[in-house]
Amino acid sequence: MINEKVVSIILKKPGAELAINPKTGKTLNAEDALMPYEFLDEIIWRIENKHEKYDDLVCSKFVYEEKMQISKEQKIEWIDKFFNRMSKAHYKWLIFPPSIIVDSQSINSAVYRQPVTSGRINYKGNSSDEISFILNEN
């Protein structure tokens, strides 16, 4: 038989890095701090599989949107939050830590494999090629 404490640990929702809800003073779970996982999963799926851009996502009808009847403003807020966080954390998706490439042509210069930050990229308006160019020029 499984211990009740173990069951409560397994069923506990993920935390939001110890974020505190200013209204209640209690810690937030990750879903409350971000957005519902079902909606977030669909954003990621649409970007990866359907190659939808920001405007496409805003105009698309989400399964979660139909099921839970969220407002257009709420949907845009969540999509904006996703793109904002993505632009700040894009470098985390690249596995290699920042490293200097040293070879005969770069003796006096430091060349990085990937940007340390990508927060200056406008993911909402730029095409995939433009974003790739910005990331690769660093």
Protein backbone atom coordinates (compact mmCIF):
# COMPACT_ATOMS: atom_id res chain seq x y z
CA MET A 1 0.00 0.00 0.00
CA ILE A 2 1.26 3.47 -0.94
CA ASN A 3 1.89 5.92 1.85
CA GLU A 4 -0.50 8.93 1.89
CA LYS A 5 2.43 11.36 2.03
CA VAL A 6 3.90 9.84 -1.15
CA VAL A 7 0.55 10.19 -2.90
CA SER A 8 0.27 13.86 -1.87
CA ILE A 9 3.77 14.53 -3.20
CA ILE A 10 2.98 12.85 -6.53
CA LEU A 11 -0.30 14.75 -6.91
CA LYS A 12 1.14 18.14 -5.91
CA LYS A 13 1.17 20.64 -8.77
CA PRO A 14 4.57 22.04 -9.87
CA GLY A 15 5.63 25.23 -8.13
CA ALA A 16 6.46 28.54 -9.79
CA GLU A 17 9.99 28.96 -8.46
CA LEU A 18 8.68 30.03 -5.06
CA ALA A 19 6.67 32.91 -6.53
CA ILE A 20 4.21 34.44 -4.08
CA ASN A 21 0.70 35.52 -5.00
CA PRO A 22 0.55 39.16 -3.86
CA LYS A 23 -3.20 38.94 -3.18
CA THR A 24 -3.19 35.81 -0.99
CA GLY A 25 0.41 35.65 0.22
CA LYS A 26 0.56 31.95 -0.69
CA THR A 27 2.99 30.37 -3.15
CA LEU A 28 1.78 30.11 -6.73
CA ASN A 29 1.75 26.89 -8.65
CA ALA A 30 3.37 27.03 -12.09
CA GLU A 31 0.09 26.92 -13.98
CA ASP A 32 -1.28 29.95 -12.10
CA ALA A 33 1.92 31.92 -12.66
CA LEU A 34 2.12 31.14 -16.39
CA MET A 35 -1.03 29.91 -18.07
CA PRO A 36 -2.90 26.60 -18.24
CA TYR A 37 -0.55 23.87 -19.46
CA GLU A 38 -3.09 22.69 -22.02
CA PHE A 39 -3.03 26.13 -23.66
CA LEU A 40 0.77 26.39 -23.38
CA ASP A 41 1.20 22.95 -24.94
CA GLU A 42 -0.95 23.96 -27.86
CA ILE A 43 1.07 27.16 -28.44
CA ILE A 44 4.27 25.12 -28.56
CA TRP A 45 2.68 22.47 -30.77
CA ARG A 46 1.39 25.08 -33.23
CA ILE A 47 4.78 26.81 -33.45
CA GLU A 48 6.72 23.56 -33.88
CA ASN A 49 4.33 21.62 -36.15
CA LYS A 50 2.26 24.21 -37.99
CA HIS A 51 5.00 26.90 -38.01
CA GLU A 52 2.50 29.51 -36.88
CA LYS A 53 3.74 33.01 -36.13
CA TYR A 54 2.40 35.42 -33.52
CA ASP A 55 -0.38 36.80 -35.74
CA ASP A 56 -1.40 33.28 -36.77
CA LEU A 57 -1.68 32.24 -33.12
CA VAL A 58 -3.83 35.25 -32.25
CA CYS A 59 -6.20 34.53 -35.15
CA SER A 60 -6.29 30.72 -34.65
CA LYS A 61 -8.99 28.98 -32.64
CA PHE A 62 -7.39 26.95 -29.84
CA VAL A 63 -8.95 23.77 -28.45
CA TYR A 64 -8.56 25.16 -24.90
CA GLU A 65 -10.17 28.43 -25.99
CA GLU A 66 -13.26 26.62 -27.24
CA LYS A 67 -13.47 24.31 -24.24
CA MET A 68 -12.98 26.95 -21.52
CA GLN A 69 -14.41 29.98 -23.36
CA ILE A 70 -11.59 32.39 -22.58
CA SER A 71 -11.73 35.99 -23.79
CA LYS A 72 -9.70 37.30 -26.73
CA GLU A 73 -7.84 39.60 -24.31
CA GLN A 74 -6.88 36.65 -22.05
CA LYS A 75 -5.68 34.67 -25.05
CA ILE A 76 -3.53 37.58 -26.29
CA GLU A 77 -2.15 38.11 -22.76
CA TRP A 78 -1.06 34.45 -22.55
CA ILE A 79 0.45 34.48 -26.06
CA ASP A 80 2.32 37.71 -25.25
CA LYS A 81 3.58 36.17 -21.99
CA PHE A 82 4.82 33.12 -23.92
CA PHE A 83 6.70 35.18 -26.52
CA ASN A 84 8.13 37.50 -23.87
CA ARG A 85 9.48 34.58 -21.84
CA MET A 86 10.70 32.81 -24.96
CA SER A 87 12.70 35.84 -26.07
CA LYS A 88 14.35 36.11 -22.65
CA ALA A 89 15.14 32.40 -22.33
CA HIS A 90 15.92 31.36 -25.90
CA TYR A 91 19.61 30.89 -25.12
CA LYS A 92 18.68 28.21 -22.55
CA TRP A 93 17.43 25.99 -25.39
CA LEU A 94 20.94 25.79 -26.77
CA ILE A 95 22.72 23.06 -24.90
CA PHE A 96 26.28 24.35 -25.07
CA PRO A 97 27.39 26.93 -22.51
CA PRO A 98 28.91 30.13 -23.92
CA SER A 99 32.41 29.29 -25.04
CA ILE A 100 35.19 31.09 -26.85
CA ILE A 101 36.32 29.59 -30.14
CA VAL A 102 40.07 29.91 -30.54
CA ASP A 103 41.69 29.20 -33.88
CA SER A 104 44.34 30.77 -36.10
CA GLN A 105 41.90 33.34 -37.51
CA SER A 106 40.51 34.50 -34.18
CA ILE A 107 43.67 34.91 -32.11
CA ASN A 108 42.76 38.45 -31.01
CA SER A 109 38.98 38.15 -30.89
CA ALA A 110 36.37 36.20 -29.00
CA VAL A 111 33.74 34.46 -31.11
CA TYR A 112 30.74 32.91 -29.38
CA ARG A 113 28.80 29.91 -30.65
CA GLN A 114 25.45 31.35 -29.61
CA PRO A 115 24.11 34.52 -28.05
CA VAL A 116 24.18 34.80 -24.29
CA THR A 117 20.84 36.59 -24.47
CA SER A 118 18.27 36.93 -27.18
CA GLY A 119 15.92 39.36 -25.45
CA ARG A 120 16.40 41.99 -28.16
CA ILE A 121 14.73 39.80 -30.79
CA ASN A 122 11.19 40.69 -31.78
CA TYR A 123 9.69 37.21 -32.13
CA LYS A 124 6.29 38.71 -32.87
CA GLY A 125 7.22 40.49 -36.08
CA ASN A 126 10.32 38.82 -37.49
CA SER A 127 10.32 35.86 -39.83
CA SER A 128 12.19 32.66 -38.96
CA ASP A 129 15.00 33.65 -41.34
CA GLU A 130 15.37 37.08 -39.71
CA ILE A 131 15.45 35.56 -36.22
CA SER A 132 18.01 32.98 -37.36
CA PHE A 133 20.17 35.75 -38.85
CA ILE A 134 20.03 37.79 -35.61
CA LEU A 135 20.94 34.74 -33.51
CA ASN A 136 23.79 33.70 -35.81
CA GLU A 137 25.35 37.15 -36.10
CA ASN A 138 26.34 36.97 -32.44
